[in-house]
Amino acid sequence: MYYVDFNPKMIISDFLRQISKDLLNKKDMSEYQDFLKDLSQGLIDADKLRVKNEEDYLQF
């Protein structure tokens, strides 16, 4: 499982920026493949539901 420190009310684009920075610092990306697939599917689903980045927040 992948963990990133983030504010639960962080705007989606800020959350993705933080994940990108964290992943770029990793040398072995193979362990993050499942996470990236899940994240990608979630973003596709959010786009289908027309989630607005400036108003809706990514929360777990």
PDB file of N, CA and C in Angstrom:
ATOM      1  N   MET A   1       0.842  -1.170   0.000  1.00  0.00           N
ATOM      2  CA  MET A   1       0.000   0.000   0.000  1.00  0.00           C
ATOM      3  C   MET A   1       0.889   1.234   0.000  1.00  0.00           C
ATOM      4  N   TYR A   2       0.452   2.263  -0.691  1.00  0.00           N
ATOM      5  CA  TYR A   2       1.211   3.504  -0.804  1.00  0.00           C
ATOM      6  C   TYR A   2       0.647   4.531   0.160  1.00  0.00           C
ATOM      7  N   TYR A   3       1.521   5.201   0.864  1.00  0.00           N
ATOM      8  CA  TYR A   3       1.102   6.237   1.801  1.00  0.00           C
ATOM      9  C   TYR A   3       1.749   7.560   1.425  1.00  0.00           C
ATOM     10  N   VAL A   4       1.013   8.626   1.529  1.00  0.00           N
ATOM     11  CA  VAL A   4       1.556   9.969   1.328  1.00  0.00           C
ATOM     12  C   VAL A   4       0.942  10.865   2.393  1.00  0.00           C
ATOM     13  N   ASP A   5       1.756  11.757   2.935  1.00  0.00           N
ATOM     14  CA  ASP A   5       1.224  12.712   3.908  1.00  0.00           C
ATOM     15  C   ASP A   5       0.426  13.761   3.150  1.00  0.00           C
ATOM     16  N   PHE A   6      -0.834  13.893   3.487  1.00  0.00           N
ATOM     17  CA  PHE A   6      -1.644  14.910   2.827  1.00  0.00           C
ATOM     18  C   PHE A   6      -2.767  15.345   3.742  1.00  0.00           C
ATOM     19  N   ASN A   7      -3.231  16.530   3.483  1.00  0.00           N
ATOM     20  CA  ASN A   7      -4.373  17.089   4.193  1.00  0.00           C
ATOM     21  C   ASN A   7      -5.628  16.425   3.628  1.00  0.00           C
ATOM     22  N   PRO A   8      -6.528  15.915   4.467  1.00  0.00           N
ATOM     23  CA  PRO A   8      -7.731  15.246   3.946  1.00  0.00           C
ATOM     24  C   PRO A   8      -8.590  16.127   3.045  1.00  0.00           C
ATOM     25  N   LYS A   9      -8.425  17.439   3.132  1.00  0.00           N
ATOM     26  CA  LYS A   9      -9.192  18.347   2.278  1.00  0.00           C
ATOM     27  C   LYS A   9      -8.351  18.901   1.136  1.00  0.00           C
ATOM     28  N   MET A  10      -7.239  18.236   0.827  1.00  0.00           N
ATOM     29  CA  MET A  10      -6.349  18.702  -0.231  1.00  0.00           C
ATOM     30  C   MET A  10      -7.068  18.623  -1.578  1.00  0.00           C
ATOM     31  N   ILE A  11      -6.923  19.648  -2.382  1.00  0.00           N
ATOM     32  CA  ILE A  11      -7.516  19.660  -3.715  1.00  0.00           C
ATOM     33  C   ILE A  11      -6.852  18.559  -4.543  1.00  0.00           C
ATOM     34  N   ILE A  12      -7.611  17.928  -5.414  1.00  0.00           N
ATOM     35  CA  ILE A  12      -7.121  16.779  -6.172  1.00  0.00           C
ATOM     36  C   ILE A  12      -5.801  17.075  -6.873  1.00  0.00           C
ATOM     37  N   SER A  13      -5.686  18.215  -7.539  1.00  0.00           N
ATOM     38  CA  SER A  13      -4.449  18.509  -8.265  1.00  0.00           C
ATOM     39  C   SER A  13      -3.257  18.627  -7.319  1.00  0.00           C
ATOM     40  N   ASP A  14      -3.457  19.173  -6.117  1.00  0.00           N
ATOM     41  CA  ASP A  14      -2.372  19.256  -5.135  1.00  0.00           C
ATOM     42  C   ASP A  14      -1.971  17.865  -4.659  1.00  0.00           C
ATOM     43  N   PHE A  15      -2.947  17.000  -4.463  1.00  0.00           N
ATOM     44  CA  PHE A  15      -2.691  15.624  -4.040  1.00  0.00           C
ATOM     45  C   PHE A  15      -1.864  14.894  -5.096  1.00  0.00           C
ATOM     46  N   LEU A  16      -2.238  15.055  -6.363  1.00  0.00           N
ATOM     47  CA  LEU A  16      -1.508  14.401  -7.446  1.00  0.00           C
ATOM     48  C   LEU A  16      -0.090  14.944  -7.562  1.00  0.00           C
ATOM     49  N   ARG A  17       0.081  16.234  -7.358  1.00  0.00           N
ATOM     50  CA  ARG A  17       1.411  16.841  -7.393  1.00  0.00           C
ATOM     51  C   ARG A  17       2.296  16.223  -6.306  1.00  0.00           C
ATOM     52  N   GLN A  18       1.752  16.042  -5.100  1.00  0.00           N
ATOM     53  CA  GLN A  18       2.509  15.451  -3.996  1.00  0.00           C
ATOM     54  C   GLN A  18       2.884  13.999  -4.305  1.00  0.00           C
ATOM     55  N   ILE A  19       1.945  13.232  -4.838  1.00  0.00           N
ATOM     56  CA  ILE A  19       2.233  11.841  -5.205  1.00  0.00           C
ATOM     57  C   ILE A  19       3.322  11.796  -6.271  1.00  0.00           C
ATOM     58  N   SER A  20       3.225  12.671  -7.266  1.00  0.00           N
ATOM     59  CA  SER A  20       4.217  12.690  -8.337  1.00  0.00           C
ATOM     60  C   SER A  20       5.610  12.951  -7.797  1.00  0.00           C
ATOM     61  N   LYS A  21       5.731  13.911  -6.902  1.00  0.00           N
ATOM     62  CA  LYS A  21       7.039  14.212  -6.304  1.00  0.00           C
ATOM     63  C   LYS A  21       7.568  13.011  -5.536  1.00  0.00           C
ATOM     64  N   ASP A  22       6.712  12.367  -4.765  1.00  0.00           N
ATOM     65  CA  ASP A  22       7.135  11.201  -3.989  1.00  0.00           C
ATOM     66  C   ASP A  22       7.573  10.051  -4.901  1.00  0.00           C
ATOM     67  N   LEU A  23       6.803   9.793  -5.953  1.00  0.00           N
ATOM     68  CA  LEU A  23       7.121   8.684  -6.845  1.00  0.00           C
ATOM     69  C   LEU A  23       8.386   8.938  -7.654  1.00  0.00           C
ATOM     70  N   LEU A  24       8.649  10.189  -8.018  1.00  0.00           N
ATOM     71  CA  LEU A  24       9.862  10.503  -8.772  1.00  0.00           C
ATOM     72  C   LEU A  24      11.123  10.232  -7.961  1.00  0.00           C
ATOM     73  N   ASN A  25      11.004  10.249  -6.650  1.00  0.00           N
ATOM     74  CA  ASN A  25      12.150   9.986  -5.784  1.00  0.00           C
ATOM     75  C   ASN A  25      12.388   8.491  -5.563  1.00  0.00           C
ATOM     76  N   LYS A  26      11.488   7.643  -6.026  1.00  0.00           N
ATOM     77  CA  LYS A  26      11.618   6.196  -5.856  1.00  0.00           C
ATOM     78  C   LYS A  26      12.426   5.612  -7.012  1.00  0.00           C
ATOM     79  N   LYS A  27      13.270   4.642  -6.710  1.00  0.00           N
ATOM     80  CA  LYS A  27      14.071   4.003  -7.759  1.00  0.00           C
ATOM     81  C   LYS A  27      13.373   2.777  -8.333  1.00  0.00           C
ATOM     82  N   ASP A  28      12.632   2.052  -7.507  1.00  0.00           N
ATOM     83  CA  ASP A  28      11.950   0.839  -7.960  1.00  0.00           C
ATOM     84  C   ASP A  28      10.450   1.109  -8.022  1.00  0.00           C
ATOM     85  N   MET A  29       9.948   1.314  -9.224  1.00  0.00           N
ATOM     86  CA  MET A  29       8.539   1.663  -9.400  1.00  0.00           C
ATOM     87  C   MET A  29       7.627   0.438  -9.457  1.00  0.00           C
ATOM     88  N   SER A  30       8.189  -0.757  -9.548  1.00  0.00           N
ATOM     89  CA  SER A  30       7.363  -1.951  -9.726  1.00  0.00           C
ATOM     90  C   SER A  30       6.374  -2.147  -8.578  1.00  0.00           C
ATOM     91  N   GLU A  31       6.768  -1.785  -7.358  1.00  0.00           N
ATOM     92  CA  GLU A  31       5.868  -1.975  -6.224  1.00  0.00           C
ATOM     93  C   GLU A  31       4.696  -0.988  -6.232  1.00  0.00           C
ATOM     94  N   TYR A  32       4.764   0.028  -7.061  1.00  0.00           N
ATOM     95  CA  TYR A  32       3.707   1.030  -7.103  1.00  0.00           C
ATOM     96  C   TYR A  32       2.766   0.853  -8.288  1.00  0.00           C
ATOM     97  N   GLN A  33       2.970  -0.197  -9.081  1.00  0.00           N
ATOM     98  CA  GLN A  33       2.136  -0.399 -10.261  1.00  0.00           C
ATOM     99  C   GLN A  33       0.654  -0.522  -9.924  1.00  0.00           C
ATOM    100  N   ASP A  34       0.317  -1.335  -8.933  1.00  0.00           N
ATOM    101  CA  ASP A  34      -1.086  -1.508  -8.557  1.00  0.00           C
ATOM    102  C   ASP A  34      -1.681  -0.194  -8.077  1.00  0.00           C
ATOM    103  N   PHE A  35      -0.910   0.547  -7.285  1.00  0.00           N
ATOM    104  CA  PHE A  35      -1.386   1.840  -6.804  1.00  0.00           C
ATOM    105  C   PHE A  35      -1.677   2.775  -7.972  1.00  0.00           C
ATOM    106  N   LEU A  36      -0.765   2.841  -8.933  1.00  0.00           N
ATOM    107  CA  LEU A  36      -0.948   3.736 -10.073  1.00  0.00           C
ATOM    108  C   LEU A  36      -2.150   3.321 -10.920  1.00  0.00           C
ATOM    109  N   LYS A  37      -2.378   2.015 -11.046  1.00  0.00           N
ATOM    110  CA  LYS A  37      -3.556   1.540 -11.784  1.00  0.00           C
ATOM    111  C   LYS A  37      -4.841   1.972 -11.070  1.00  0.00           C
ATOM    112  N   ASP A  38      -4.871   1.803  -9.745  1.00  0.00           N
ATOM    113  CA  ASP A  38      -6.050   2.203  -8.971  1.00  0.00           C
ATOM    114  C   ASP A  38      -6.274   3.708  -9.051  1.00  0.00           C
ATOM    115  N   LEU A  39      -5.199   4.474  -8.940  1.00  0.00           N
ATOM    116  CA  LEU A  39      -5.307   5.928  -9.022  1.00  0.00           C
ATOM    117  C   LEU A  39      -5.825   6.349 -10.388  1.00  0.00           C
ATOM    118  N   SER A  40      -5.286   5.746 -11.435  1.00  0.00           N
ATOM    119  CA  SER A  40      -5.729   6.069 -12.789  1.00  0.00           C
ATOM    120  C   SER A  40      -7.209   5.762 -12.975  1.00  0.00           C
ATOM    121  N   GLN A  41      -7.649   4.614 -12.487  1.00  0.00           N
ATOM    122  CA  GLN A  41      -9.064   4.251 -12.611  1.00  0.00           C
ATOM    123  C   GLN A  41      -9.942   5.225 -11.836  1.00  0.00           C
ATOM    124  N   GLY A  42      -9.477   5.634 -10.649  1.00  0.00           N
ATOM    125  CA  GLY A  42     -10.233   6.602  -9.859  1.00  0.00           C
ATOM    126  C   GLY A  42     -10.369   7.934 -10.564  1.00  0.00           C
ATOM    127  N   LEU A  43      -9.306   8.367 -11.237  1.00  0.00           N
ATOM    128  CA  LEU A  43      -9.363   9.637 -11.966  1.00  0.00           C
ATOM    129  C   LEU A  43     -10.276   9.538 -13.178  1.00  0.00           C
ATOM    130  N   ILE A  44     -10.257   8.395 -13.844  1.00  0.00           N
ATOM    131  CA  ILE A  44     -11.164   8.183 -14.973  1.00  0.00           C
ATOM    132  C   ILE A  44     -12.609   8.219 -14.485  1.00  0.00           C
ATOM    133  N   ASP A  45     -12.885   7.544 -13.360  1.00  0.00           N
ATOM    134  CA  ASP A  45     -14.235   7.552 -12.793  1.00  0.00           C
ATOM    135  C   ASP A  45     -14.644   8.963 -12.382  1.00  0.00           C
ATOM    136  N   ALA A  46     -13.717   9.722 -11.785  1.00  0.00           N
ATOM    137  CA  ALA A  46     -14.019  11.096 -11.370  1.00  0.00           C
ATOM    138  C   ALA A  46     -14.345  11.952 -12.586  1.00  0.00           C
ATOM    139  N   ASP A  47     -13.623  11.730 -13.681  1.00  0.00           N
ATOM    140  CA  ASP A  47     -13.881  12.485 -14.901  1.00  0.00           C
ATOM    141  C   ASP A  47     -15.262  12.144 -15.456  1.00  0.00           C
ATOM    142  N   LYS A  48     -15.636  10.861 -15.400  1.00  0.00           N
ATOM    143  CA  LYS A  48     -16.957  10.446 -15.881  1.00  0.00           C
ATOM    144  C   LYS A  48     -18.068  11.087 -15.051  1.00  0.00           C
ATOM    145  N   LEU A  49     -17.801  11.274 -13.748  1.00  0.00           N
ATOM    146  CA  LEU A  49     -18.786  11.892 -12.861  1.00  0.00           C
ATOM    147  C   LEU A  49     -18.688  13.411 -12.870  1.00  0.00           C
ATOM    148  N   ARG A  50     -17.772  13.933 -13.682  1.00  0.00           N
ATOM    149  CA  ARG A  50     -17.546  15.374 -13.828  1.00  0.00           C
ATOM    150  C   ARG A  50     -17.187  16.048 -12.507  1.00  0.00           C
ATOM    151  N   VAL A  51     -16.250  15.432 -11.774  1.00  0.00           N
ATOM    152  CA  VAL A  51     -15.764  16.016 -10.528  1.00  0.00           C
ATOM    153  C   VAL A  51     -14.956  17.257 -10.877  1.00  0.00           C
ATOM    154  N   LYS A  52     -15.258  18.359 -10.212  1.00  0.00           N
ATOM    155  CA  LYS A  52     -14.550  19.617 -10.461  1.00  0.00           C
ATOM    156  C   LYS A  52     -13.391  19.736  -9.479  1.00  0.00           C
ATOM    157  N   ASN A  53     -12.188  19.921 -10.005  1.00  0.00           N
ATOM    158  CA  ASN A  53     -10.991  19.987  -9.168  1.00  0.00           C
ATOM    159  C   ASN A  53     -11.054  21.090  -8.128  1.00  0.00           C
ATOM    160  N   GLU A  54     -11.613  22.234  -8.476  1.00  0.00           N
ATOM    161  CA  GLU A  54     -11.583  23.356  -7.543  1.00  0.00           C
ATOM    162  C   GLU A  54     -12.649  23.251  -6.455  1.00  0.00           C
ATOM    163  N   GLU A  55     -13.608  22.372  -6.606  1.00  0.00           N
ATOM    164  CA  GLU A  55     -14.687  22.280  -5.628  1.00  0.00           C
ATOM    165  C   GLU A  55     -14.723  20.946  -4.889  1.00  0.00           C
ATOM    166  N   ASP A  56     -14.406  19.887  -5.563  1.00  0.00           N
ATOM    167  CA  ASP A  56     -14.500  18.562  -4.952  1.00  0.00           C
ATOM    168  C   ASP A  56     -13.124  18.100  -4.500  1.00  0.00           C
ATOM    169  N   TYR A  57     -13.102  17.339  -3.441  1.00  0.00           N
ATOM    170  CA  TYR A  57     -11.844  16.941  -2.824  1.00  0.00           C
ATOM    171  C   TYR A  57     -11.711  15.434  -2.821  1.00  0.00           C
ATOM    172  N   LEU A  58     -10.464  14.996  -2.908  1.00  0.00           N
ATOM    173  CA  LEU A  58     -10.167  13.577  -2.841  1.00  0.00           C
ATOM    174  C   LEU A  58     -10.039  13.198  -1.377  1.00  0.00           C
ATOM    175  N   GLN A  59     -10.907  12.323  -0.914  1.00  0.00           N
ATOM    176  CA  GLN A  59     -10.891  11.931   0.492  1.00  0.00           C
ATOM    177  C   GLN A  59     -10.928  10.416   0.583  1.00  0.00           C
ATOM    178  N   PHE A  60     -10.254   9.870   1.571  1.00  0.00           N
ATOM    179  CA  PHE A  60     -10.266   8.427   1.822  1.00  0.00           C
ATOM    180  C   PHE A  60     -10.964   8.167   3.125  1.00  0.00           C
TER     181      PHE A  60
END
